[in-house]
Amino acid sequence: MYFPVVTEALVWVLEREVFKQIMRISSIQRSQDNIKYLRSKFFVPGTKIVEQDTNGNEFFIISGGSVKITKRIP
């Protein structure tokens, strides 16, 4: 099987193991960036983080402290 060049092209060639190593490193970096971002988020006491009857597009992980959850019943 071969892949002919159709137009003038600049092609980079990486050995499989080099590509896998690059992917591992970028995955580790992405994970570290996500953890750093998550650690920067905090709420002061009394802050309302979610309100009943609103569409939620966020996911919360409580890694410290406590949260009071209440439900309004008509």
C-alpha atoms as a PDB file:
ATOM      1  CA  MET A   1       0.000   0.000   0.000  1.00  0.00           C
ATOM      2  CA  TYR A   2       1.272   3.475  -0.736  1.00  0.00           C
ATOM      3  CA  PHE A   3      -0.048   7.007  -0.445  1.00  0.00           C
ATOM      4  CA  PRO A   4       0.924   9.172  -3.414  1.00  0.00           C
ATOM      5  CA  VAL A   5       1.443  12.898  -2.947  1.00  0.00           C
ATOM      6  CA  VAL A   6      -1.246  14.730  -4.929  1.00  0.00           C
ATOM      7  CA  THR A   7       0.112  18.276  -4.564  1.00  0.00           C
ATOM      8  CA  GLU A   8       3.390  19.689  -3.282  1.00  0.00           C
ATOM      9  CA  ALA A   9       3.470  18.749   0.390  1.00  0.00           C
ATOM     10  CA  LEU A  10       5.526  19.111   3.519  1.00  0.00           C
ATOM     11  CA  VAL A  11       5.430  15.796   5.353  1.00  0.00           C
ATOM     12  CA  TRP A  12       6.822  15.046   8.792  1.00  0.00           C
ATOM     13  CA  VAL A  13       7.754  11.481   9.607  1.00  0.00           C
ATOM     14  CA  LEU A  14       7.878  10.171  13.175  1.00  0.00           C
ATOM     15  CA  GLU A  15       8.704   6.680  14.300  1.00  0.00           C
ATOM     16  CA  ARG A  16       5.844   4.987  16.139  1.00  0.00           C
ATOM     17  CA  GLU A  17       7.617   4.988  19.522  1.00  0.00           C
ATOM     18  CA  VAL A  18       8.504   8.692  19.221  1.00  0.00           C
ATOM     19  CA  PHE A  19       4.872   9.514  18.435  1.00  0.00           C
ATOM     20  CA  LYS A  20       3.646   7.429  21.397  1.00  0.00           C
ATOM     21  CA  GLN A  21       6.104   9.172  23.718  1.00  0.00           C
ATOM     22  CA  ILE A  22       4.934  12.601  22.515  1.00  0.00           C
ATOM     23  CA  MET A  23       1.325  11.586  23.114  1.00  0.00           C
ATOM     24  CA  ARG A  24       2.131  10.347  26.647  1.00  0.00           C
ATOM     25  CA  ILE A  25       3.941  13.579  27.512  1.00  0.00           C
ATOM     26  CA  SER A  26       1.144  15.771  26.146  1.00  0.00           C
ATOM     27  CA  SER A  27      -1.444  13.708  28.036  1.00  0.00           C
ATOM     28  CA  ILE A  28       0.472  14.128  31.300  1.00  0.00           C
ATOM     29  CA  GLN A  29       0.808  17.876  30.689  1.00  0.00           C
ATOM     30  CA  ARG A  30      -2.913  18.199  29.903  1.00  0.00           C
ATOM     31  CA  SER A  31      -3.776  16.334  33.122  1.00  0.00           C
ATOM     32  CA  GLN A  32      -1.476  18.558  35.179  1.00  0.00           C
ATOM     33  CA  ASP A  33      -3.019  21.679  33.618  1.00  0.00           C
ATOM     34  CA  ASN A  34      -6.528  20.421  34.438  1.00  0.00           C
ATOM     35  CA  ILE A  35      -5.572  19.668  38.046  1.00  0.00           C
ATOM     36  CA  LYS A  36      -3.992  23.107  38.414  1.00  0.00           C
ATOM     37  CA  TYR A  37      -7.176  24.730  37.064  1.00  0.00           C
ATOM     38  CA  LEU A  38      -9.412  22.708  39.360  1.00  0.00           C
ATOM     39  CA  ARG A  39      -7.326  23.598  42.411  1.00  0.00           C
ATOM     40  CA  SER A  40      -7.714  27.296  41.632  1.00  0.00           C
ATOM     41  CA  LYS A  41     -11.510  27.147  42.023  1.00  0.00           C
ATOM     42  CA  PHE A  42     -12.942  27.748  45.472  1.00  0.00           C
ATOM     43  CA  PHE A  43     -16.047  29.357  46.972  1.00  0.00           C
ATOM     44  CA  VAL A  44     -16.354  31.473  50.079  1.00  0.00           C
ATOM     45  CA  PRO A  45     -18.967  30.506  52.698  1.00  0.00           C
ATOM     46  CA  GLY A  46     -22.478  31.595  51.711  1.00  0.00           C
ATOM     47  CA  THR A  47     -21.839  31.529  47.943  1.00  0.00           C
ATOM     48  CA  LYS A  48     -24.666  29.916  45.978  1.00  0.00           C
ATOM     49  CA  ILE A  49     -23.047  27.548  43.477  1.00  0.00           C
ATOM     50  CA  VAL A  50     -26.172  25.870  42.066  1.00  0.00           C
ATOM     51  CA  GLU A  51     -29.766  27.003  42.093  1.00  0.00           C
ATOM     52  CA  GLN A  52     -32.813  24.761  41.874  1.00  0.00           C
ATOM     53  CA  ASP A  53     -34.716  24.660  38.549  1.00  0.00           C
ATOM     54  CA  THR A  54     -31.824  25.931  36.425  1.00  0.00           C
ATOM     55  CA  ASN A  55     -30.124  24.000  33.646  1.00  0.00           C
ATOM     56  CA  GLY A  56     -26.794  22.691  34.823  1.00  0.00           C
ATOM     57  CA  ASN A  57     -23.818  22.437  32.510  1.00  0.00           C
ATOM     58  CA  GLU A  58     -21.205  22.002  35.214  1.00  0.00           C
ATOM     59  CA  PHE A  59     -19.940  19.158  37.352  1.00  0.00           C
ATOM     60  CA  PHE A  60     -18.816  19.857  40.906  1.00  0.00           C
ATOM     61  CA  ILE A  61     -16.317  17.835  42.925  1.00  0.00           C
ATOM     62  CA  ILE A  62     -16.201  18.683  46.623  1.00  0.00           C
ATOM     63  CA  SER A  63     -12.606  18.021  47.616  1.00  0.00           C
ATOM     64  CA  GLY A  64     -12.602  19.905  50.904  1.00  0.00           C
ATOM     65  CA  GLY A  65     -14.922  21.727  53.223  1.00  0.00           C
ATOM     66  CA  SER A  66     -18.663  21.108  53.156  1.00  0.00           C
ATOM     67  CA  VAL A  67     -21.685  22.099  51.129  1.00  0.00           C
ATOM     68  CA  LYS A  68     -25.242  22.509  52.338  1.00  0.00           C
ATOM     69  CA  ILE A  69     -27.840  21.146  49.916  1.00  0.00           C
ATOM     70  CA  THR A  70     -31.435  22.264  50.250  1.00  0.00           C
ATOM     71  CA  LYS A  71     -34.531  21.617  48.145  1.00  0.00           C
ATOM     72  CA  ARG A  72     -37.516  23.946  47.954  1.00  0.00           C
ATOM     73  CA  ILE A  73     -40.775  22.015  48.231  1.00  0.00           C
ATOM     74  CA  PRO A  74     -43.890  23.842  47.010  1.00  0.00           C
END
